[in-house]
Full PDB file with SEQRES, HELIX, SHEET, SSBOND, CRYST1, ORIGX, SCALE, CONECT and MASTER records, all heavy atoms in Angstrom:
SEQRES   1 A   34  ARG HIS LEU ASP HIS GLN HIS ARG ARG GLY SER SER GLN          
SEQRES   2 A   34  CYS PHE ASP GLU LYS GLY ARG HIS ILE GLN GLY TYR CYS          
SEQRES   3 A   34  HIS TRP LYS ASN ARG SER LYS LEU                              
HELIX    1 AA1 HIS A    2  GLY A   10  1                                   9    
HELIX    2 AA2 SER A   12  CYS A   14  5                                   3    
CRYST1    1.000    1.000    1.000  90.00  90.00  90.00 P 1           1          
ORIGX1      1.000000  0.000000  0.000000        0.00000                         
ORIGX2      0.000000  1.000000  0.000000        0.00000                         
ORIGX3      0.000000  0.000000  1.000000        0.00000                         
SCALE1      1.000000  0.000000  0.000000        0.00000                         
SCALE2      0.000000  1.000000  0.000000        0.00000                         
SCALE3      0.000000  0.000000  1.000000        0.00000                         
ATOM      1  N   ARG A   1      95.548 -85.539  80.804  1.00  0.00           N  
ATOM      2  CA  ARG A   1      96.121 -85.302  79.467  1.00  0.00           C  
ATOM      3  C   ARG A   1      96.586 -83.861  79.320  1.00  0.00           C  
ATOM      4  O   ARG A   1      97.629 -83.581  78.716  1.00  0.00           O  
ATOM      5  CB  ARG A   1      95.078 -85.629  78.392  1.00  0.00           C  
ATOM      6  CG  ARG A   1      94.765 -87.106  78.261  1.00  0.00           C  
ATOM      7  CD  ARG A   1      94.070 -87.409  76.950  1.00  0.00           C  
ATOM      8  NE  ARG A   1      92.853 -86.628  76.812  1.00  0.00           N  
ATOM      9  CZ  ARG A   1      91.650 -87.062  77.160  1.00  0.00           C  
ATOM     10  NH1 ARG A   1      91.510 -88.259  77.693  1.00  0.00           N  
ATOM     11  NH2 ARG A   1      90.583 -86.309  76.990  1.00  0.00           N  
ATOM     12  N   HIS A   2      95.807 -82.919  79.871  1.00  0.00           N  
ATOM     13  CA  HIS A   2      96.191 -81.515  79.808  1.00  0.00           C  
ATOM     14  C   HIS A   2      97.486 -81.266  80.577  1.00  0.00           C  
ATOM     15  O   HIS A   2      98.364 -80.528  80.118  1.00  0.00           O  
ATOM     16  CB  HIS A   2      95.066 -80.652  80.375  1.00  0.00           C  
ATOM     17  CG  HIS A   2      95.309 -79.177  80.256  1.00  0.00           C  
ATOM     18  ND1 HIS A   2      95.675 -78.552  79.079  1.00  0.00           N  
ATOM     19  CD2 HIS A   2      95.254 -78.183  81.185  1.00  0.00           C  
ATOM     20  CE1 HIS A   2      95.830 -77.255  79.272  1.00  0.00           C  
ATOM     21  NE2 HIS A   2      95.588 -77.012  80.568  1.00  0.00           N  
ATOM     22  N   LEU A   3      97.629 -81.903  81.744  1.00  0.00           N  
ATOM     23  CA  LEU A   3      98.866 -81.757  82.512  1.00  0.00           C  
ATOM     24  C   LEU A   3     100.046 -82.394  81.789  1.00  0.00           C  
ATOM     25  O   LEU A   3     101.177 -81.877  81.853  1.00  0.00           O  
ATOM     26  CB  LEU A   3      98.680 -82.391  83.893  1.00  0.00           C  
ATOM     27  CG  LEU A   3      99.865 -82.258  84.865  1.00  0.00           C  
ATOM     28  CD1 LEU A   3     100.121 -80.785  85.180  1.00  0.00           C  
ATOM     29  CD2 LEU A   3      99.610 -83.038  86.145  1.00  0.00           C  
ATOM     30  N   ASP A   4      99.815 -83.487  81.088  1.00  0.00           N  
ATOM     31  CA  ASP A   4     100.893 -84.112  80.319  1.00  0.00           C  
ATOM     32  C   ASP A   4     101.353 -83.210  79.181  1.00  0.00           C  
ATOM     33  O   ASP A   4     102.564 -83.113  78.895  1.00  0.00           O  
ATOM     34  CB  ASP A   4     100.418 -85.459  79.776  1.00  0.00           C  
ATOM     35  CG  ASP A   4     101.494 -86.176  78.988  1.00  0.00           C  
ATOM     36  OD1 ASP A   4     102.473 -86.630  79.598  1.00  0.00           O  
ATOM     37  OD2 ASP A   4     101.375 -86.260  77.747  1.00  0.00           O  
ATOM     38  N   HIS A   5     100.412 -82.528  78.527  1.00  0.00           N  
ATOM     39  CA  HIS A   5     100.797 -81.584  77.469  1.00  0.00           C  
ATOM     40  C   HIS A   5     101.594 -80.413  78.042  1.00  0.00           C  
ATOM     41  O   HIS A   5     102.578 -79.951  77.424  1.00  0.00           O  
ATOM     42  CB  HIS A   5      99.545 -81.079  76.741  1.00  0.00           C  
ATOM     43  CG  HIS A   5      98.820 -82.147  76.005  1.00  0.00           C  
ATOM     44  ND1 HIS A   5      97.510 -82.019  75.581  1.00  0.00           N  
ATOM     45  CD2 HIS A   5      99.206 -83.394  75.615  1.00  0.00           C  
ATOM     46  CE1 HIS A   5      97.126 -83.116  74.961  1.00  0.00           C  
ATOM     47  NE2 HIS A   5      98.139 -83.969  74.967  1.00  0.00           N  
ATOM     48  N   GLN A   6     101.179 -79.921  79.203  1.00  0.00           N  
ATOM     49  CA  GLN A   6     101.944 -78.849  79.847  1.00  0.00           C  
ATOM     50  C   GLN A   6     103.330 -79.326  80.267  1.00  0.00           C  
ATOM     51  O   GLN A   6     104.304 -78.565  80.208  1.00  0.00           O  
ATOM     52  CB  GLN A   6     101.171 -78.331  81.063  1.00  0.00           C  
ATOM     53  CG  GLN A   6      99.890 -77.604  80.714  1.00  0.00           C  
ATOM     54  CD  GLN A   6      99.088 -77.234  81.943  1.00  0.00           C  
ATOM     55  OE1 GLN A   6      99.258 -77.816  83.014  1.00  0.00           O  
ATOM     56  NE2 GLN A   6      98.185 -76.263  81.798  1.00  0.00           N  
ATOM     57  N   HIS A   7     103.434 -80.572  80.660  1.00  0.00           N  
ATOM     58  CA  HIS A   7     104.742 -81.137  81.018  1.00  0.00           C  
ATOM     59  C   HIS A   7     105.663 -81.195  79.807  1.00  0.00           C  
ATOM     60  O   HIS A   7     106.850 -80.858  79.884  1.00  0.00           O  
ATOM     61  CB  HIS A   7     104.548 -82.530  81.614  1.00  0.00           C  
ATOM     62  CG  HIS A   7     105.795 -83.121  82.177  1.00  0.00           C  
ATOM     63  ND1 HIS A   7     105.837 -84.390  82.720  1.00  0.00           N  
ATOM     64  CD2 HIS A   7     107.068 -82.638  82.286  1.00  0.00           C  
ATOM     65  CE1 HIS A   7     107.059 -84.646  83.139  1.00  0.00           C  
ATOM     66  NE2 HIS A   7     107.821 -83.609  82.879  1.00  0.00           N  
ATOM     67  N   ARG A   8     105.126 -81.594  78.676  1.00  0.00           N  
ATOM     68  CA  ARG A   8     105.942 -81.687  77.465  1.00  0.00           C  
ATOM     69  C   ARG A   8     106.371 -80.311  76.960  1.00  0.00           C  
ATOM     70  O   ARG A   8     107.478 -80.152  76.426  1.00  0.00           O  
ATOM     71  CB  ARG A   8     105.176 -82.437  76.377  1.00  0.00           C  
ATOM     72  CG  ARG A   8     104.911 -83.896  76.733  1.00  0.00           C  
ATOM     73  CD  ARG A   8     104.091 -84.603  75.676  1.00  0.00           C  
ATOM     74  NE  ARG A   8     103.780 -85.968  76.074  1.00  0.00           N  
ATOM     75  CZ  ARG A   8     104.570 -87.015  75.864  1.00  0.00           C  
ATOM     76  NH1 ARG A   8     105.731 -86.843  75.226  1.00  0.00           N  
ATOM     77  NH2 ARG A   8     104.213 -88.212  76.265  1.00  0.00           N  
ATOM     78  N   ARG A   9     105.501 -79.327  77.133  1.00  0.00           N  
ATOM     79  CA  ARG A   9     105.880 -77.974  76.695  1.00  0.00           C  
ATOM     80  C   ARG A   9     106.853 -77.320  77.676  1.00  0.00           C  
ATOM     81  O   ARG A   9     107.759 -76.585  77.251  1.00  0.00           O  
ATOM     82  CB  ARG A   9     104.631 -77.105  76.551  1.00  0.00           C  
ATOM     83  CG  ARG A   9     103.740 -77.499  75.393  1.00  0.00           C  
ATOM     84  CD  ARG A   9     102.719 -76.400  75.108  1.00  0.00           C  
ATOM     85  NE  ARG A   9     101.914 -76.099  76.277  1.00  0.00           N  
ATOM     86  CZ  ARG A   9     100.727 -76.650  76.521  1.00  0.00           C  
ATOM     87  NH1 ARG A   9     100.231 -77.559  75.684  1.00  0.00           N  
ATOM     88  NH2 ARG A   9     100.044 -76.326  77.592  1.00  0.00           N  
ATOM     89  N   GLY A  10     106.682 -77.571  78.965  1.00  0.00           N  
ATOM     90  CA  GLY A  10     107.512 -76.904  79.958  1.00  0.00           C  
ATOM     91  C   GLY A  10     108.860 -77.547  80.178  1.00  0.00           C  
ATOM     92  O   GLY A  10     109.802 -76.874  80.627  1.00  0.00           O  
ATOM     93  N   SER A  11     108.995 -78.844  79.911  1.00  0.00           N  
ATOM     94  CA  SER A  11     110.263 -79.544  80.134  1.00  0.00           C  
ATOM     95  C   SER A  11     110.399 -80.636  79.096  1.00  0.00           C  
ATOM     96  O   SER A  11     110.095 -81.812  79.341  1.00  0.00           O  
ATOM     97  CB  SER A  11     110.300 -80.128  81.555  1.00  0.00           C  
ATOM     98  OG  SER A  11     111.504 -80.803  81.785  1.00  0.00           O  
ATOM     99  N   SER A  12     110.894 -80.261  77.918  1.00  0.00           N  
ATOM    100  CA  SER A  12     111.059 -81.223  76.829  1.00  0.00           C  
ATOM    101  C   SER A  12     112.223 -82.175  77.066  1.00  0.00           C  
ATOM    102  O   SER A  12     112.263 -83.259  76.465  1.00  0.00           O  
ATOM    103  CB  SER A  12     111.268 -80.481  75.507  1.00  0.00           C  
ATOM    104  OG  SER A  12     112.407 -79.622  75.591  1.00  0.00           O  
ATOM    105  N   GLN A  13     113.197 -81.816  77.944  1.00  0.00           N  
ATOM    106  CA  GLN A  13     114.336 -82.691  78.188  1.00  0.00           C  
ATOM    107  C   GLN A  13     113.975 -83.916  79.019  1.00  0.00           C  
ATOM    108  O   GLN A  13     114.808 -84.817  79.203  1.00  0.00           O  
ATOM    109  CB  GLN A  13     115.464 -81.927  78.896  1.00  0.00           C  
ATOM    110  CG  GLN A  13     115.117 -81.396  80.271  1.00  0.00           C  
ATOM    111  CD  GLN A  13     114.542 -79.992  80.207  1.00  0.00           C  
ATOM    112  OE1 GLN A  13     114.002 -79.594  79.178  1.00  0.00           O  
ATOM    113  NE2 GLN A  13     114.659 -79.249  81.309  1.00  0.00           N  
ATOM    114  N   CYS A  14     112.736 -83.960  79.542  1.00  0.00           N  
ATOM    115  CA  CYS A  14     112.301 -85.133  80.297  1.00  0.00           C  
ATOM    116  C   CYS A  14     111.856 -86.284  79.400  1.00  0.00           C  
ATOM    117  O   CYS A  14     111.568 -87.371  79.911  1.00  0.00           O  
ATOM    118  CB  CYS A  14     111.156 -84.762  81.241  1.00  0.00           C  
ATOM    119  SG  CYS A  14     111.621 -83.623  82.565  1.00  0.00           S  
ATOM    120  N   PHE A  15     111.778 -86.074  78.085  1.00  0.00           N  
ATOM    121  CA  PHE A  15     111.264 -87.078  77.159  1.00  0.00           C  
ATOM    122  C   PHE A  15     112.321 -87.400  76.115  1.00  0.00           C  
ATOM    123  O   PHE A  15     113.134 -86.538  75.727  1.00  0.00           O  
ATOM    124  CB  PHE A  15     109.982 -86.577  76.477  1.00  0.00           C  
ATOM    125  CG  PHE A  15     108.879 -86.238  77.448  1.00  0.00           C  
ATOM    126  CD1 PHE A  15     108.782 -84.965  77.987  1.00  0.00           C  
ATOM    127  CD2 PHE A  15     107.955 -87.189  77.823  1.00  0.00           C  
ATOM    128  CE1 PHE A  15     107.776 -84.649  78.879  1.00  0.00           C  
ATOM    129  CE2 PHE A  15     106.942 -86.877  78.718  1.00  0.00           C  
ATOM    130  CZ  PHE A  15     106.857 -85.613  79.246  1.00  0.00           C  
ATOM    131  N   ASP A  16     112.310 -88.646  75.642  1.00  0.00           N  
ATOM    132  CA  ASP A  16     113.251 -89.073  74.613  1.00  0.00           C  
ATOM    133  C   ASP A  16     112.695 -88.773  73.234  1.00  0.00           C  
ATOM    134  O   ASP A  16     111.652 -88.111  73.080  1.00  0.00           O  
ATOM    135  CB  ASP A  16     113.567 -90.556  74.779  1.00  0.00           C  
ATOM    136  CG  ASP A  16     112.314 -91.419  74.744  1.00  0.00           C  
ATOM    137  OD1 ASP A  16     111.227 -90.879  74.442  1.00  0.00           O  
ATOM    138  OD2 ASP A  16     112.396 -92.629  75.037  1.00  0.00           O  
ATOM    139  N   GLU A  17     113.386 -89.263  72.201  1.00  0.00           N  
ATOM    140  CA  GLU A  17     112.985 -88.959  70.828  1.00  0.00           C  
ATOM    141  C   GLU A  17     111.680 -89.635  70.450  1.00  0.00           C  
ATOM    142  O   GLU A  17     110.990 -89.199  69.522  1.00  0.00           O  
ATOM    143  CB  GLU A  17     114.084 -89.397  69.856  1.00  0.00           C  
ATOM    144  CG  GLU A  17     114.409 -90.878  69.874  1.00  0.00           C  
ATOM    145  CD  GLU A  17     115.386 -91.235  70.985  1.00  0.00           C  
ATOM    146  OE1 GLU A  17     115.766 -90.321  71.740  1.00  0.00           O  
ATOM    147  OE2 GLU A  17     115.745 -92.419  71.094  1.00  0.00           O  
ATOM    148  N   LYS A  18     111.275 -90.678  71.169  1.00  0.00           N  
ATOM    149  CA  LYS A  18     110.007 -91.349  70.890  1.00  0.00           C  
ATOM    150  C   LYS A  18     108.849 -90.807  71.722  1.00  0.00           C  
ATOM    151  O   LYS A  18     107.750 -91.346  71.655  1.00  0.00           O  
ATOM    152  CB  LYS A  18     110.158 -92.848  71.145  1.00  0.00           C  
ATOM    153  CG  LYS A  18     111.111 -93.528  70.177  1.00  0.00           C  
ATOM    154  CD  LYS A  18     111.134 -95.035  70.417  1.00  0.00           C  
ATOM    155  CE  LYS A  18     112.054 -95.732  69.442  1.00  0.00           C  
ATOM    156  NZ  LYS A  18     112.074 -97.201  69.674  1.00  0.00           N  
ATOM    157  N   GLY A  19     109.086 -89.774  72.514  1.00  0.00           N  
ATOM    158  CA  GLY A  19     108.034 -89.181  73.316  1.00  0.00           C  
ATOM    159  C   GLY A  19     107.796 -89.858  74.640  1.00  0.00           C  
ATOM    160  O   GLY A  19     106.804 -89.549  75.317  1.00  0.00           O  
ATOM    161  N   ARG A  20     108.670 -90.755  75.068  1.00  0.00           N  
ATOM    162  CA  ARG A  20     108.519 -91.442  76.341  1.00  0.00           C  
ATOM    163  C   ARG A  20     109.302 -90.714  77.423  1.00  0.00           C  
ATOM    164  O   ARG A  20     110.387 -90.183  77.167  1.00  0.00           O  
ATOM    165  CB  ARG A  20     109.022 -92.888  76.226  1.00  0.00           C  
ATOM    166  CG  ARG A  20     108.255 -93.719  75.215  1.00  0.00           C  
ATOM    167  CD  ARG A  20     108.921 -95.060  74.999  1.00  0.00           C  
ATOM    168  NE  ARG A  20     110.284 -94.903  74.485  1.00  0.00           N  
ATOM    169  CZ  ARG A  20     111.062 -95.921  74.107  1.00  0.00           C  
ATOM    170  NH1 ARG A  20     110.596 -97.168  74.212  1.00  0.00           N  
ATOM    171  NH2 ARG A  20     112.281 -95.700  73.661  1.00  0.00           N  
ATOM    172  N   HIS A  21     108.738 -90.723  78.628  1.00  0.00           N  
ATOM    173  CA  HIS A  21     109.423 -90.061  79.749  1.00  0.00           C  
ATOM    174  C   HIS A  21     110.639 -90.878  80.163  1.00  0.00           C  
ATOM    175  O   HIS A  21     110.550 -92.089  80.356  1.00  0.00           O  
ATOM    176  CB  HIS A  21     108.463 -89.909  80.929  1.00  0.00           C  
ATOM    177  CG  HIS A  21     108.917 -88.919  81.955  1.00  0.00           C  
ATOM    178  ND1 HIS A  21     109.907 -89.195  82.878  1.00  0.00           N  
ATOM    179  CD2 HIS A  21     108.537 -87.641  82.208  1.00  0.00           C  
ATOM    180  CE1 HIS A  21     110.115 -88.150  83.652  1.00  0.00           C  
ATOM    181  NE2 HIS A  21     109.278 -87.190  83.268  1.00  0.00           N  
ATOM    182  N   ILE A  22     111.762 -90.216  80.319  1.00  0.00           N  
ATOM    183  CA  ILE A  22     112.988 -90.905  80.682  1.00  0.00           C  
ATOM    184  C   ILE A  22     112.928 -91.330  82.138  1.00  0.00           C  
ATOM    185  O   ILE A  22     112.242 -90.720  82.969  1.00  0.00           O  
ATOM    186  CB  ILE A  22     114.216 -90.005  80.433  1.00  0.00           C  
ATOM    187  CG1 ILE A  22     114.102 -88.717  81.260  1.00  0.00           C  
ATOM    188  CG2 ILE A  22     114.365 -89.688  78.954  1.00  0.00           C  
ATOM    189  CD1 ILE A  22     115.309 -87.812  81.141  1.00  0.00           C  
ATOM    190  N   GLN A  23     113.648 -92.402  82.446  1.00  0.00           N  
ATOM    191  CA  GLN A  23     113.668 -92.901  83.810  1.00  0.00           C  
ATOM    192  C   GLN A  23     114.642 -92.094  84.661  1.00  0.00           C  
ATOM    193  O   GLN A  23     115.617 -91.552  84.162  1.00  0.00           O  
ATOM    194  CB  GLN A  23     114.067 -94.379  83.822  1.00  0.00           C  
ATOM    195  CG  GLN A  23     113.068 -95.291  83.127  1.00  0.00           C  
ATOM    196  CD  GLN A  23     113.472 -96.750  83.200  1.00  0.00           C  
ATOM    197  OE1 GLN A  23     114.524 -97.074  83.742  1.00  0.00           O  
ATOM    198  NE2 GLN A  23     112.637 -97.620  82.654  1.00  0.00           N  
ATOM    199  N   GLY A  24     114.328 -92.037  85.941  1.00  0.00           N  
ATOM    200  CA  GLY A  24     115.206 -91.333  86.861  1.00  0.00           C  
ATOM    201  C   GLY A  24     114.695 -89.950  87.214  1.00  0.00           C  
ATOM    202  O   GLY A  24     113.497 -89.746  87.432  1.00  0.00           O  
ATOM    203  N   TYR A  25     115.575 -88.985  87.218  1.00  0.00           N  
ATOM    204  CA  TYR A  25     115.266 -87.640  87.696  1.00  0.00           C  
ATOM    205  C   TYR A  25     114.377 -86.898  86.701  1.00  0.00           C  
ATOM    206  O   TYR A  25     114.599 -86.962  85.484  1.00  0.00           O  
ATOM    207  CB  TYR A  25     116.566 -86.866  87.914  1.00  0.00           C  
ATOM    208  CG  TYR A  25     116.368 -85.470  88.477  1.00  0.00           C  
ATOM    209  CD1 TYR A  25     116.093 -85.286  89.823  1.00  0.00           C  
ATOM    210  CD2 TYR A  25     116.449 -84.356  87.655  1.00  0.00           C  
ATOM    211  CE1 TYR A  25     115.915 -84.019  90.338  1.00  0.00           C  
ATOM    212  CE2 TYR A  25     116.277 -83.082  88.158  1.00  0.00           C  
ATOM    213  CZ  TYR A  25     116.005 -82.923  89.509  1.00  0.00           C  
ATOM    214  OH  TYR A  25     115.830 -81.663  90.016  1.00  0.00           O  
ATOM    215  N   CYS A  26     113.369 -86.195  87.220  1.00  0.00           N  
ATOM    216  CA  CYS A  26     112.486 -85.364  86.393  1.00  0.00           C  
ATOM    217  C   CYS A  26     112.915 -83.913  86.541  1.00  0.00           C  
ATOM    218  O   CYS A  26     113.049 -83.393  87.649  1.00  0.00           O  
ATOM    219  CB  CYS A  26     111.027 -85.543  86.819  1.00  0.00           C  
ATOM    220  SG  CYS A  26     109.852 -84.607  85.821  1.00  0.00           S  
ATOM    221  N   HIS A  27     113.143 -83.253  85.402  1.00  0.00           N  
ATOM    222  CA  HIS A  27     113.645 -81.875  85.400  1.00  0.00           C  
ATOM    223  C   HIS A  27     112.529 -80.835  85.490  1.00  0.00           C  
ATOM    224  O   HIS A  27     112.836 -79.639  85.535  1.00  0.00           O  
ATOM    225  CB  HIS A  27     114.470 -81.623  84.123  1.00  0.00           C  
ATOM    226  CG  HIS A  27     115.625 -82.561  83.965  1.00  0.00           C  
ATOM    227  ND1 HIS A  27     116.839 -82.363  84.585  1.00  0.00           N  
ATOM    228  CD2 HIS A  27     115.745 -83.730  83.267  1.00  0.00           C  
ATOM    229  CE1 HIS A  27     117.677 -83.338  84.272  1.00  0.00           C  
ATOM    230  NE2 HIS A  27     117.033 -84.185  83.460  1.00  0.00           N  
ATOM    231  N   TRP A  28     111.269 -81.271  85.516  1.00  0.00           N  
ATOM    232  CA  TRP A  28     110.146 -80.312  85.499  1.00  0.00           C  
ATOM    233  C   TRP A  28     109.830 -79.909  86.937  1.00  0.00           C  
ATOM    234  O   TRP A  28     108.899 -80.430  87.558  1.00  0.00           O  
ATOM    235  CB  TRP A  28     108.936 -80.937  84.823  1.00  0.00           C  
ATOM    236  CG  TRP A  28     107.896 -79.918  84.447  1.00  0.00           C  
ATOM    237  CD1 TRP A  28     108.091 -78.665  83.979  1.00  0.00           C  
ATOM    238  CD2 TRP A  28     106.476 -80.100  84.504  1.00  0.00           C  
ATOM    239  NE1 TRP A  28     106.900 -78.032  83.737  1.00  0.00           N  
ATOM    240  CE2 TRP A  28     105.882 -78.893  84.058  1.00  0.00           C  
ATOM    241  CE3 TRP A  28     105.653 -81.139  84.884  1.00  0.00           C  
ATOM    242  CZ2 TRP A  28     104.511 -78.727  83.974  1.00  0.00           C  
ATOM    243  CZ3 TRP A  28     104.281 -80.971  84.799  1.00  0.00           C  
ATOM    244  CH2 TRP A  28     103.730 -79.770  84.351  1.00  0.00           C  
ATOM    245  N   LYS A  29     110.610 -78.995  87.471  1.00  0.00           N  
ATOM    246  CA  LYS A  29     110.429 -78.511  88.824  1.00  0.00           C  
ATOM    247  C   LYS A  29     109.808 -77.120  88.862  1.00  0.00           C  
ATOM    248  O   LYS A  29     108.937 -76.845  89.669  1.00  0.00           O  
ATOM    249  CB  LYS A  29     111.768 -78.504  89.567  1.00  0.00           C  
ATOM    250  CG  LYS A  29     112.388 -79.891  89.710  1.00  0.00           C  
ATOM    251  CD  LYS A  29     111.485 -80.834  90.502  1.00  0.00           C  
ATOM    252  CE  LYS A  29     112.122 -82.198  90.663  1.00  0.00           C  
ATOM    253  NZ  LYS A  29     111.235 -83.142  91.376  1.00  0.00           N  
ATOM    254  N   ASN A  30     110.267 -76.237  88.004  1.00  0.00           N  
ATOM    255  CA  ASN A  30     109.734 -74.866  87.958  1.00  0.00           C  
ATOM    256  C   ASN A  30     108.488 -74.859  87.066  1.00  0.00           C  
ATOM    257  O   ASN A  30     108.562 -74.567  85.873  1.00  0.00           O  
ATOM    258  CB  ASN A  30     110.794 -73.898  87.437  1.00  0.00           C  
ATOM    259  CG  ASN A  30     111.995 -73.830  88.348  1.00  0.00           C  
ATOM    260  OD1 ASN A  30     111.872 -73.945  89.566  1.00  0.00           O  
ATOM    261  ND2 ASN A  30     113.181 -73.658  87.768  1.00  0.00           N  
ATOM    262  N   ARG A  31     107.362 -75.192  87.656  1.00  0.00           N  
ATOM    263  CA  ARG A  31     106.132 -75.301  86.887  1.00  0.00           C  
ATOM    264  C   ARG A  31     105.449 -73.943  86.796  1.00  0.00           C  
ATOM    265  O   ARG A  31     105.574 -73.098  87.691  1.00  0.00           O  
ATOM    266  CB  ARG A  31     105.187 -76.317  87.526  1.00  0.00           C  
ATOM    267  CG  ARG A  31     105.831 -77.687  87.682  1.00  0.00           C  
ATOM    268  CD  ARG A  31     104.857 -78.724  88.128  1.00  0.00           C  
ATOM    269  NE  ARG A  31     105.501 -80.032  88.263  1.00  0.00           N  
ATOM    270  CZ  ARG A  31     104.873 -81.157  88.564  1.00  0.00           C  
ATOM    271  NH1 ARG A  31     103.567 -81.127  88.796  1.00  0.00           N  
ATOM    272  NH2 ARG A  31     105.529 -82.286  88.657  1.00  0.00           N  
ATOM    273  N   SER A  32     104.712 -73.773  85.725  1.00  0.00           N  
ATOM    274  CA  SER A  32     104.007 -72.520  85.500  1.00  0.00           C  
ATOM    275  C   SER A  32     102.789 -72.429  86.402  1.00  0.00           C  
ATOM    276  O   SER A  32     102.386 -73.398  87.068  1.00  0.00           O  
ATOM    277  CB  SER A  32     103.592 -72.412  84.030  1.00  0.00           C  
ATOM    278  OG  SER A  32     102.698 -73.461  83.686  1.00  0.00           O  
ATOM    279  N   LYS A  33     102.179 -71.252  86.406  1.00  0.00           N  
ATOM    280  CA  LYS A  33     100.991 -71.042  87.220  1.00  0.00           C  
ATOM    281  C   LYS A  33      99.828 -71.877  86.730  1.00  0.00           C  
ATOM    282  O   LYS A  33      99.057 -72.445  87.528  1.00  0.00           O  
ATOM    283  CB  LYS A  33     100.626 -69.558  87.206  1.00  0.00           C  
ATOM    284  CG  LYS A  33      99.439 -69.215  88.085  1.00  0.00           C  
ATOM    285  CD  LYS A  33      99.144 -67.732  88.059  1.00  0.00           C  
ATOM    286  CE  LYS A  33      97.926 -67.392  88.913  1.00  0.00           C  
ATOM    287  NZ  LYS A  33      97.638 -65.932  88.871  1.00  0.00           N  
ATOM    288  N   LEU A  34      99.691 -72.014  85.404  1.00  0.00           N  
ATOM    289  CA  LEU A  34      98.604 -72.820  84.855  1.00  0.00           C  
ATOM    290  C   LEU A  34      98.801 -74.305  85.173  1.00  0.00           C  
ATOM    291  O   LEU A  34      97.829 -75.025  85.437  1.00  0.00           O  
ATOM    292  CB  LEU A  34      98.526 -72.608  83.343  1.00  0.00           C  
ATOM    293  CG  LEU A  34      98.147 -71.206  82.879  1.00  0.00           C  
ATOM    294  CD1 LEU A  34      98.152 -71.124  81.362  1.00  0.00           C  
ATOM    295  CD2 LEU A  34      96.778 -70.807  83.416  1.00  0.00           C  
TER     296      LEU A  34                                                      
MASTER        0    0    0    2    0    0    0    6  295    1    0    3          
END                                                                             
């Protein structure tokens, strides 16, 4: 759950307006140290 929250904060374009992860390419490549 903590990693999912970091994913949503670090790459919001990966999710649609309902909070679901979009299918296909994931834009969260440059991840933070945490």
